[in-house]
Amino acid sequence: MARSAAFPAMAPLPALRDVVTLLKPITWFPPMWAMVCGVLSSGVPVASRWSFLIAGIALAGPLVCGTSQAVNDWFDRHVDAINEPHRPIPSGRIAGRWGLAIAIIWSGVSLLVAALTGPWVLAATALGLACAWAYSAPPLRFKTSGWIGPAVVALSYEGLSWFTGAAVMAGALPSGRVLAVLALYSLGAHGIMTLNDFKAVVGDRLTGLRSLPVILGERRAALLASVVMAVPQGVVVVLLWRWHLALPALAVAVLLAAQLALMPRLVADPAARAPWYNATGVSLYVFGMMAAALGLGGYL
């Protein structure tokens, strides 16, 4: 009996479908989109480095983003028991410490693939993984801050993914213009991440997570998110125009104007309309990213 208590039986190996669910494939699209923006902004022909392109897509989506989801689900398993009890860990489909083990293993696989791709990609991947762990895991647990948490996610999902795509294709540090634009879109993505917090306001309040909708109130948080999304795009328009990229500047400006037209409806009822704005305004935002990337790469 004592031996059994000291050495409990290992939890059963989770089913593959539950591991995939833990890695949340639906969340891979934003960083993969940003990575493709990076590829296009580099101006390097895709056919010349297609194997590196595949590695970059894998890193941005299933590897680094998948790792971040596993880490977040493990350290948020008590919050998810309130907000999303159907998730693999709180539901018991991934039992014991398998959630943590998957996060550690996937971190190692991500670093291995990045190391085979190049030093700049390895550096970006290491930073992205560090952000993923610091966001969810104590003692830092950046997600408890409505200011720092969205900034860390925005950097990882948009900036580092864009950087990875450009660095993979160029085999070097991306140009100053590319770095400036990806930094601005990363800053704007802070607002997108704030909108994502509206779905978990109840659980955040109960567990002490200080998201912006909790500490500012829903209307003020939505207004701030709108400003944070809009201003960097305006700067991108100015930069593209100054760089004599008139067509992409015009495209980003039109897409920004459409977002500005939608924002008052979001602010009027953010809790109910955040999902609607994610499907409309955020889509316009990421189309603007693509337009800017095509301009930087010489396609527009």
Protein backbone atom coordinates (compact mmCIF):
# COMPACT_ATOMS: atom_id res chain seq x y z
CA MET A 1 0.00 0.00 0.00
CA ALA A 2 2.82 2.44 0.91
CA ARG A 3 4.70 1.60 -2.27
CA SER A 4 1.55 2.20 -4.32
CA ALA A 5 1.05 5.64 -2.72
CA ALA A 6 4.68 6.64 -3.30
CA PHE A 7 4.72 5.44 -6.89
CA PRO A 8 1.25 6.03 -8.36
CA ALA A 9 0.40 4.49 -11.68
CA MET A 10 1.20 6.66 -14.67
CA ALA A 11 -1.78 8.30 -16.31
CA PRO A 12 -2.82 6.64 -19.57
CA LEU A 13 -1.27 7.88 -22.81
CA PRO A 14 -3.65 10.49 -24.30
CA ALA A 15 -5.36 9.81 -27.60
CA LEU A 16 -3.90 11.52 -30.65
CA ARG A 17 -7.12 13.43 -31.29
CA ASP A 18 -6.96 14.88 -27.77
CA VAL A 19 -3.33 15.94 -28.24
CA VAL A 20 -4.29 17.71 -31.47
CA THR A 21 -7.19 19.38 -29.66
CA LEU A 22 -4.78 20.51 -26.93
CA LEU A 23 -2.57 22.15 -29.57
CA LYS A 24 -5.63 24.06 -30.91
CA PRO A 25 -5.13 24.01 -34.70
CA ILE A 26 -7.68 26.82 -35.09
CA THR A 27 -5.19 29.18 -33.41
CA TRP A 28 -2.39 28.37 -35.86
CA PHE A 29 -3.81 30.47 -38.67
CA PRO A 30 -2.87 33.97 -37.37
CA PRO A 31 0.86 33.25 -36.90
CA MET A 32 0.98 31.27 -40.14
CA TRP A 33 -0.62 34.22 -41.95
CA ALA A 34 1.96 36.56 -40.40
CA MET A 35 4.72 34.14 -41.40
CA VAL A 36 3.51 34.20 -45.03
CA CYS A 37 3.49 38.01 -44.83
CA GLY A 38 7.12 37.78 -43.77
CA VAL A 39 7.93 35.48 -46.69
CA LEU A 40 6.35 37.87 -49.19
CA SER A 41 7.87 40.98 -47.63
CA SER A 42 11.35 39.52 -48.08
CA GLY A 43 11.03 39.71 -51.87
CA VAL A 44 12.84 36.38 -52.23
CA PRO A 45 11.25 33.97 -54.75
CA VAL A 46 9.45 31.21 -52.85
CA ALA A 47 10.64 28.49 -55.25
CA SER A 48 14.25 29.20 -54.38
CA ARG A 49 13.85 28.21 -50.71
CA TRP A 50 10.71 26.05 -50.57
CA SER A 51 12.08 23.64 -47.95
CA PHE A 52 12.79 26.55 -45.62
CA LEU A 53 9.29 27.85 -46.29
CA ILE A 54 7.79 24.55 -45.14
CA ALA A 55 9.92 24.65 -41.99
CA GLY A 56 8.79 28.22 -41.31
CA ILE A 57 5.12 27.32 -41.67
CA ALA A 58 5.58 24.38 -39.30
CA LEU A 59 7.34 26.58 -36.75
CA ALA A 60 4.80 29.39 -36.86
CA GLY A 61 1.76 27.13 -36.61
CA PRO A 62 1.80 23.60 -35.18
CA LEU A 63 5.15 23.88 -33.37
CA VAL A 64 5.57 27.24 -31.60
CA CYS A 65 1.89 28.21 -31.56
CA GLY A 66 0.92 24.65 -30.65
CA THR A 67 3.42 24.71 -27.80
CA SER A 68 2.00 27.99 -26.50
CA GLN A 69 -1.49 26.46 -26.45
CA ALA A 70 -0.32 23.39 -24.56
CA VAL A 71 1.55 25.52 -22.01
CA ASN A 72 -1.44 27.80 -21.58
CA ASP A 73 -3.89 24.92 -21.13
CA TRP A 74 -1.68 23.25 -18.54
CA PHE A 75 -1.21 26.31 -16.35
CA ASP A 76 -4.80 27.47 -16.92
CA ARG A 77 -6.44 24.13 -16.25
CA HIS A 78 -8.27 25.51 -13.20
CA VAL A 79 -9.50 28.57 -15.14
CA ASP A 80 -10.56 26.34 -18.04
CA ALA A 81 -12.56 24.23 -15.61
CA ILE A 82 -14.78 27.34 -15.34
CA ASN A 83 -14.57 28.85 -18.83
CA GLU A 84 -14.01 25.76 -21.02
CA PRO A 85 -14.58 22.55 -19.01
CA HIS A 86 -14.72 20.54 -22.24
CA ARG A 87 -10.99 21.16 -22.96
CA PRO A 88 -8.79 18.00 -22.87
CA ILE A 89 -7.09 18.68 -19.52
CA PRO A 90 -10.01 19.81 -17.30
CA SER A 91 -12.24 17.15 -18.86
CA GLY A 92 -9.71 14.46 -17.91
CA ARG A 93 -9.07 13.26 -21.48
CA ILE A 94 -5.42 14.29 -21.02
CA ALA A 95 -4.82 13.09 -17.48
CA GLY A 96 -1.99 13.32 -14.96
CA ARG A 97 0.96 15.47 -16.03
CA TRP A 98 0.72 14.61 -19.73
CA GLY A 99 -0.30 18.19 -20.54
CA LEU A 100 2.97 19.51 -19.11
CA ALA A 101 4.97 16.73 -20.78
CA ILE A 102 3.49 17.54 -24.19
CA ALA A 103 4.38 21.23 -23.75
CA ILE A 104 8.00 20.38 -22.87
CA ILE A 105 8.42 17.86 -25.70
CA TRP A 106 6.90 20.24 -28.27
CA SER A 107 9.23 23.03 -27.10
CA GLY A 108 12.21 20.78 -27.77
CA VAL A 109 10.95 19.79 -31.22
CA SER A 110 10.41 23.47 -32.09
CA LEU A 111 13.99 24.37 -31.12
CA LEU A 112 15.39 21.45 -33.11
CA VAL A 113 13.55 22.45 -36.29
CA ALA A 114 14.54 26.09 -35.81
CA ALA A 115 18.20 25.16 -35.32
CA LEU A 116 18.16 23.35 -38.67
CA THR A 117 16.70 26.45 -40.35
CA GLY A 118 19.18 29.15 -39.38
CA PRO A 119 20.50 31.27 -36.48
CA TRP A 120 18.03 34.15 -36.86
CA VAL A 121 15.09 31.76 -36.99
CA LEU A 122 16.45 29.89 -33.96
CA ALA A 123 16.73 33.17 -32.06
CA ALA A 124 13.15 34.15 -32.95
CA THR A 125 11.87 30.68 -32.02
CA ALA A 126 13.67 30.71 -28.68
CA LEU A 127 12.20 34.13 -27.89
CA GLY A 128 8.74 32.96 -28.95
CA LEU A 129 8.95 29.91 -26.72
CA ALA A 130 10.22 32.01 -23.83
CA CYS A 131 7.22 34.30 -24.30
CA ALA A 132 4.87 31.30 -24.38
CA TRP A 133 6.14 29.95 -21.08
CA ALA A 134 6.42 33.36 -19.40
CA TYR A 135 2.88 34.23 -20.49
CA SER A 136 1.26 31.28 -18.74
CA ALA A 137 3.70 29.84 -16.21
CA PRO A 138 4.60 31.19 -12.77
CA PRO A 139 6.44 33.10 -11.48
CA LEU A 140 6.07 35.62 -14.34
CA ARG A 141 2.65 34.57 -15.67
CA PHE A 142 2.30 37.66 -17.86
CA LYS A 143 -1.29 36.79 -18.72
CA THR A 144 -2.37 38.09 -15.32
CA SER A 145 -1.59 41.59 -16.63
CA GLY A 146 -4.00 43.11 -19.13
CA TRP A 147 -1.16 45.27 -20.42
CA ILE A 148 1.80 42.90 -20.65
CA GLY A 149 -0.08 39.71 -21.54
CA PRO A 150 -1.62 40.92 -24.82
CA ALA A 151 1.71 42.54 -25.76
CA VAL A 152 3.55 39.22 -25.34
CA VAL A 153 0.98 37.33 -27.42
CA ALA A 154 0.94 40.02 -30.12
CA LEU A 155 4.73 39.92 -30.36
CA SER A 156 4.72 36.14 -30.67
CA TYR A 157 1.78 35.73 -33.04
CA GLU A 158 2.45 38.66 -35.36
CA GLY A 159 5.96 40.07 -34.97
CA LEU A 160 8.04 36.96 -34.43
CA SER A 161 6.05 34.97 -36.99
CA TRP A 162 6.53 37.73 -39.60
CA PHE A 163 10.22 37.91 -38.65
CA THR A 164 10.55 34.14 -39.03
CA GLY A 165 9.07 34.20 -42.51
CA ALA A 166 11.33 37.01 -43.68
CA ALA A 167 14.43 35.54 -42.05
CA VAL A 168 13.74 32.05 -43.41
CA MET A 169 13.63 33.38 -46.97
CA ALA A 170 16.47 35.89 -46.72
CA GLY A 171 18.71 33.65 -44.64
CA ALA A 172 19.65 36.79 -42.72
CA LEU A 173 18.28 39.63 -40.61
CA PRO A 174 15.31 41.22 -42.44
CA SER A 175 15.61 44.78 -43.76
CA GLY A 176 14.88 47.83 -41.66
CA ARG A 177 11.65 48.51 -43.57
CA VAL A 178 10.37 45.00 -42.89
CA LEU A 179 11.30 45.27 -39.21
CA ALA A 180 9.48 48.61 -38.91
CA VAL A 181 6.25 47.34 -40.45
CA LEU A 182 6.19 44.06 -38.51
CA ALA A 183 6.78 46.01 -35.28
CA LEU A 184 3.83 48.29 -36.03
CA TYR A 185 1.49 45.42 -36.82
CA SER A 186 2.65 43.68 -33.62
CA LEU A 187 1.76 46.79 -31.65
CA GLY A 188 -1.67 46.95 -33.27
CA ALA A 189 -2.27 43.28 -32.50
CA HIS A 190 -2.28 44.19 -28.80
CA GLY A 191 -5.81 45.46 -29.44
CA ILE A 192 -6.80 42.20 -31.13
CA MET A 193 -5.60 40.24 -28.11
CA THR A 194 -7.63 42.50 -25.81
CA LEU A 195 -10.75 41.68 -27.83
CA ASN A 196 -10.04 37.98 -27.29
CA ASP A 197 -10.23 38.56 -23.52
CA PHE A 198 -13.93 39.42 -23.68
CA LYS A 199 -14.87 35.75 -24.00
CA ALA A 200 -13.36 34.93 -20.59
CA VAL A 201 -14.38 37.93 -18.48
CA VAL A 202 -16.39 35.86 -15.97
CA GLY A 203 -13.65 33.32 -15.37
CA ASP A 204 -10.98 36.03 -15.26
CA ARG A 205 -12.87 37.91 -12.54
CA LEU A 206 -13.34 34.76 -10.48
CA THR A 207 -9.68 33.72 -10.71
CA GLY A 208 -8.07 37.16 -10.37
CA LEU A 209 -6.77 37.57 -13.93
CA ARG A 210 -6.56 41.30 -14.56
CA SER A 211 -7.44 41.51 -18.24
CA LEU A 212 -8.24 44.95 -19.61
CA PRO A 213 -12.00 44.25 -19.84
CA VAL A 214 -11.86 43.39 -16.12
CA ILE A 215 -9.80 46.36 -14.89
CA LEU A 216 -11.03 49.07 -17.29
CA GLY A 217 -14.56 47.90 -17.92
CA GLU A 218 -15.75 46.46 -21.19
CA ARG A 219 -16.55 49.68 -23.05
CA ARG A 220 -13.29 51.45 -22.17
CA ALA A 221 -11.28 48.33 -22.99
CA ALA A 222 -12.96 48.08 -26.40
CA LEU A 223 -12.30 51.76 -27.08
CA LEU A 224 -8.64 51.39 -26.13
CA ALA A 225 -8.32 48.26 -28.28
CA SER A 226 -9.78 50.13 -31.25
CA VAL A 227 -7.27 52.98 -30.89
CA VAL A 228 -4.36 50.57 -30.45
CA MET A 229 -5.36 48.71 -33.62
CA ALA A 230 -5.92 51.84 -35.71
CA VAL A 231 -2.96 54.09 -34.93
CA PRO A 232 -0.13 51.71 -36.00
CA GLN A 233 -1.94 51.05 -39.29
CA GLY A 234 -2.05 54.78 -39.90
CA VAL A 235 1.71 54.92 -39.39
CA VAL A 236 2.14 52.02 -41.83
CA VAL A 237 0.19 53.99 -44.44
CA VAL A 238 2.49 56.99 -43.97
CA LEU A 239 5.64 54.87 -44.18
CA LEU A 240 4.53 53.04 -47.30
CA TRP A 241 3.70 56.37 -48.94
CA ARG A 242 7.10 57.82 -48.00
CA TRP A 243 8.77 54.74 -49.46
CA HIS A 244 6.94 55.41 -52.77
CA LEU A 245 4.74 52.34 -52.36
CA ALA A 246 1.55 54.18 -53.28
CA LEU A 247 -0.65 51.19 -54.18
CA PRO A 248 -0.08 49.22 -50.95
CA ALA A 249 -0.40 52.46 -48.97
CA LEU A 250 -3.78 53.07 -50.58
CA ALA A 251 -4.88 49.48 -49.93
CA VAL A 252 -3.97 49.67 -46.23
CA ALA A 253 -5.68 53.07 -45.95
CA VAL A 254 -8.95 51.76 -47.45
CA LEU A 255 -8.92 48.71 -45.18
CA LEU A 256 -8.25 50.94 -42.18
CA ALA A 257 -11.14 53.23 -43.12
CA ALA A 258 -13.45 50.21 -43.23
CA GLN A 259 -12.30 49.18 -39.75
CA LEU A 260 -12.92 52.69 -38.41
CA ALA A 261 -16.46 52.50 -39.74
CA LEU A 262 -17.06 49.25 -37.83
CA MET A 263 -15.46 50.25 -34.52
CA PRO A 264 -18.34 52.38 -33.11
CA ARG A 265 -20.65 49.35 -33.29
CA LEU A 266 -18.05 47.27 -31.43
CA VAL A 267 -17.61 49.88 -28.68
CA ALA A 268 -21.37 50.20 -28.20
CA ASP A 269 -21.66 46.57 -27.02
CA PRO A 270 -18.19 44.97 -26.86
CA ALA A 271 -19.13 41.84 -24.92
CA ALA A 272 -21.71 40.82 -27.51
CA ARG A 273 -19.92 42.12 -30.60
CA ALA A 274 -16.28 41.17 -30.02
CA PRO A 275 -16.74 37.88 -31.96
CA TRP A 276 -18.45 39.83 -34.77
CA TYR A 277 -15.59 42.32 -34.93
CA ASN A 278 -13.02 39.52 -34.91
CA ALA A 279 -14.72 38.15 -38.04
CA THR A 280 -14.98 41.54 -39.76
CA GLY A 281 -12.59 44.21 -38.49
CA VAL A 282 -9.75 41.86 -37.61
CA SER A 283 -10.06 40.24 -41.04
CA LEU A 284 -9.61 43.68 -42.60
CA TYR A 285 -6.58 44.21 -40.34
CA VAL A 286 -4.83 41.06 -41.53
CA PHE A 287 -5.65 41.81 -45.17
CA GLY A 288 -3.84 45.10 -44.60
CA MET A 289 -0.85 43.16 -43.31
CA MET A 290 -0.80 41.19 -46.54
CA ALA A 291 -1.08 44.33 -48.66
CA ALA A 292 1.85 45.90 -46.83
CA ALA A 293 3.91 42.71 -47.20
CA LEU A 294 3.21 42.53 -50.94
CA GLY A 295 4.32 46.11 -51.27
CA LEU A 296 7.54 45.57 -49.34
CA GLY A 297 8.33 42.51 -51.40
CA GLY A 298 7.85 44.32 -54.69
CA TYR A 299 4.66 42.50 -55.70
CA LEU A 300 2.46 45.63 -55.59
